[in-house]
N, C-alpha and C. Protein backbone atom coordinates (compact mmCIF):
# COMPACT_ATOMS: atom_id res chain seq x y z
N MET A 1 106.43 102.06 87.34
CA MET A 1 104.91 103.34 86.79
C MET A 1 105.54 104.35 85.84
N ASP A 2 104.74 104.50 84.99
CA ASP A 2 105.70 105.44 83.65
C ASP A 2 105.59 106.64 84.45
N ILE A 3 106.55 107.82 84.06
CA ILE A 3 107.00 109.04 84.35
C ILE A 3 105.32 109.48 84.04
N LYS A 4 104.70 109.64 82.45
CA LYS A 4 103.73 110.28 82.52
C LYS A 4 102.55 109.96 83.39
N LYS A 5 102.72 108.97 83.36
CA LYS A 5 101.05 108.65 84.51
C LYS A 5 101.25 109.12 85.75
N LEU A 6 102.77 109.42 86.44
CA LEU A 6 102.94 109.74 87.67
C LEU A 6 102.34 111.43 87.61
N VAL A 7 103.06 111.80 86.68
CA VAL A 7 102.68 113.35 86.68
C VAL A 7 101.59 113.95 86.01
N SER A 8 100.64 112.92 85.41
CA SER A 8 99.19 113.43 84.95
C SER A 8 98.44 113.79 86.53
N GLN A 9 98.85 112.21 87.43
CA GLN A 9 98.12 111.99 89.23
C GLN A 9 98.30 112.76 89.49
N VAL A 10 99.67 113.44 89.94
CA VAL A 10 100.16 114.60 90.97
C VAL A 10 99.88 116.21 89.96
N VAL A 11 99.22 116.22 89.20
CA VAL A 11 98.90 117.31 89.05
C VAL A 11 97.45 117.37 88.61
N ALA A 12 96.77 116.12 88.37
CA ALA A 12 95.25 116.20 89.14
C ALA A 12 95.09 116.17 90.37
N ALA A 13 96.20 115.86 91.46
CA ALA A 13 96.00 115.68 92.69
C ALA A 13 96.51 117.25 92.93
N PHE A 14 97.01 117.97 92.79
CA PHE A 14 97.07 119.50 92.75
C PHE A 14 96.05 119.93 92.55
N LEU A 15 95.30 119.98 90.99
CA LEU A 15 94.19 120.97 90.88
C LEU A 15 92.96 120.29 91.55
N LEU A 16 92.97 118.99 92.14
CA LEU A 16 91.64 119.37 92.62
C LEU A 16 91.59 119.54 93.94
N PHE A 17 93.32 119.25 94.63
CA PHE A 17 93.01 120.30 96.29
C PHE A 17 93.06 121.40 95.98
N THR A 18 94.13 121.91 94.61
CA THR A 18 93.51 123.92 94.93
C THR A 18 92.14 124.26 94.95
N ILE A 19 91.03 123.77 93.55
CA ILE A 19 89.94 124.04 93.30
C ILE A 19 89.07 123.64 94.53
N ILE A 20 89.35 122.37 95.53
CA ILE A 20 87.97 122.31 96.08
C ILE A 20 88.40 123.14 97.39
N SER A 21 89.79 123.31 97.84
CA SER A 21 89.97 124.29 98.71
C SER A 21 89.21 125.67 98.43
N VAL A 22 89.50 126.35 97.85
CA VAL A 22 89.16 127.55 97.09
C VAL A 22 87.57 127.21 97.35
N ILE A 23 86.77 126.42 96.76
CA ILE A 23 85.28 126.66 96.46
C ILE A 23 85.00 126.72 98.56
N LEU A 24 85.49 125.77 99.52
CA LEU A 24 85.62 125.76 100.78
C LEU A 24 85.58 126.45 101.25
N GLU A 25 86.66 127.38 101.15
CA GLU A 25 87.16 128.69 101.68
C GLU A 25 85.98 129.84 101.49
N LYS A 26 85.33 129.85 100.28
CA LYS A 26 84.05 130.70 100.00
C LYS A 26 85.05 131.90 100.12
N GLU A 27 85.93 132.12 99.83
CA GLU A 27 86.27 133.73 99.35
C GLU A 27 87.80 133.60 98.46
N TYR A 28 87.36 134.59 97.10
CA TYR A 28 87.77 133.98 95.89
C TYR A 28 88.90 135.38 95.59
N THR A 29 89.41 135.69 96.44
CA THR A 29 90.47 136.85 96.33
C THR A 29 92.24 136.45 96.03
N LYS A 30 92.53 137.12 95.68
CA LYS A 30 94.07 136.42 94.36
C LYS A 30 94.99 136.09 95.66
N GLU A 31 95.44 136.54 96.90
CA GLU A 31 95.63 136.07 98.07
C GLU A 31 95.14 134.90 98.65
N VAL A 32 94.18 134.04 98.34
CA VAL A 32 93.50 133.28 98.98
C VAL A 32 93.97 132.10 97.78
N ILE A 33 93.71 132.15 96.27
CA ILE A 33 93.74 131.43 95.87
C ILE A 33 95.23 131.04 95.38
N PHE A 34 96.41 132.04 95.49
CA PHE A 34 97.47 131.63 95.83
C PHE A 34 97.91 130.78 96.77
N ASN A 35 97.43 131.32 97.93
CA ASN A 35 97.69 130.26 99.48
C ASN A 35 97.51 128.68 98.78
N LYS A 36 96.42 128.97 98.35
CA LYS A 36 95.54 127.38 98.08
C LYS A 36 96.38 126.94 97.40
N ALA A 37 96.96 127.57 95.95
CA ALA A 37 97.75 127.19 95.00
C ALA A 37 99.29 126.59 95.31
N VAL A 38 99.63 127.05 96.57
CA VAL A 38 101.15 126.73 96.90
C VAL A 38 100.99 125.71 97.74
N ASN A 39 99.55 125.65 98.76
CA ASN A 39 98.81 124.63 99.38
C ASN A 39 99.28 123.15 98.40
N GLY A 40 98.37 123.39 97.37
CA GLY A 40 98.21 122.48 96.73
C GLY A 40 99.51 121.93 95.62
N LEU A 41 100.80 122.32 95.35
CA LEU A 41 101.56 122.21 95.32
C LEU A 41 102.06 121.48 95.87
N ILE A 42 102.49 122.41 97.26
CA ILE A 42 103.15 120.72 98.05
C ILE A 42 102.35 119.68 98.35
N PHE A 43 100.74 119.72 98.50
CA PHE A 43 100.42 118.37 98.63
C PHE A 43 100.98 117.33 97.47
N GLY A 44 100.38 118.30 96.12
CA GLY A 44 100.87 117.45 95.08
C GLY A 44 101.90 116.83 94.89
N LEU A 45 103.23 117.36 95.35
CA LEU A 45 104.73 116.91 95.27
C LEU A 45 104.39 115.50 96.65
N ILE A 46 104.11 115.69 98.10
CA ILE A 46 103.97 115.18 98.73
C ILE A 46 103.45 113.62 98.22
N TYR A 47 102.40 114.09 97.61
CA TYR A 47 101.80 112.53 97.02
C TYR A 47 102.08 111.82 96.09
N GLY A 48 103.87 112.39 95.16
CA GLY A 48 103.92 112.26 94.20
C GLY A 48 104.85 111.33 94.64
N VAL A 49 105.70 111.92 95.77
CA VAL A 49 106.68 111.21 96.35
C VAL A 49 105.88 110.07 97.22
N PHE A 50 105.16 109.92 98.04
CA PHE A 50 104.08 108.76 98.04
C PHE A 50 103.90 107.90 97.36
N LEU A 51 103.29 108.12 96.07
CA LEU A 51 102.80 107.17 94.65
C LEU A 51 104.37 106.56 93.96
N TRP A 52 105.58 107.28 94.02
CA TRP A 52 106.67 106.88 93.87
C TRP A 52 107.33 105.65 94.62
N ALA A 53 107.45 106.45 96.00
CA ALA A 53 107.55 105.03 96.97
C ALA A 53 106.78 103.88 97.06
N GLN A 54 105.96 103.85 96.94
CA GLN A 54 104.80 103.00 96.89
C GLN A 54 105.44 101.60 95.41
N GLU A 55 105.36 102.52 94.54
CA GLU A 55 105.43 101.59 93.26
C GLU A 55 106.70 100.87 93.62
N LYS A 56 107.69 101.86 94.22
CA LYS A 56 109.48 101.36 94.29
C LYS A 56 109.12 100.03 95.05
N PHE A 57 109.06 100.34 95.95
CA PHE A 57 108.89 99.17 97.10
C PHE A 57 107.38 97.86 97.17
N LYS A 58 106.83 98.02 96.31
CA LYS A 58 105.80 97.51 95.74
C LYS A 58 106.68 96.27 94.55
N ASN A 59 107.22 96.89 93.92
CA ASN A 59 108.00 96.10 92.85
C ASN A 59 108.75 95.08 93.78
N ARG A 60 109.53 95.38 94.96
CA ARG A 60 110.72 94.60 95.12
C ARG A 60 110.55 93.17 95.82
N LYS A 61 109.09 92.79 96.15
CA LYS A 61 109.20 91.62 96.49
C LYS A 61 109.28 90.73 95.70
């Protein structure tokens, strides 16, 4: 997998997670947005590792 494609998917996952969770929270304070952004960053990183591992082990066959 190309690194640009992986990074773009991770950024998209981060943004979607953050935006959707802030909307569902229905509270738009600075603290809530910051906490959701941190959670989104963690989710994006885990998702990126998952995509990388999936691609690495898929190509071994």
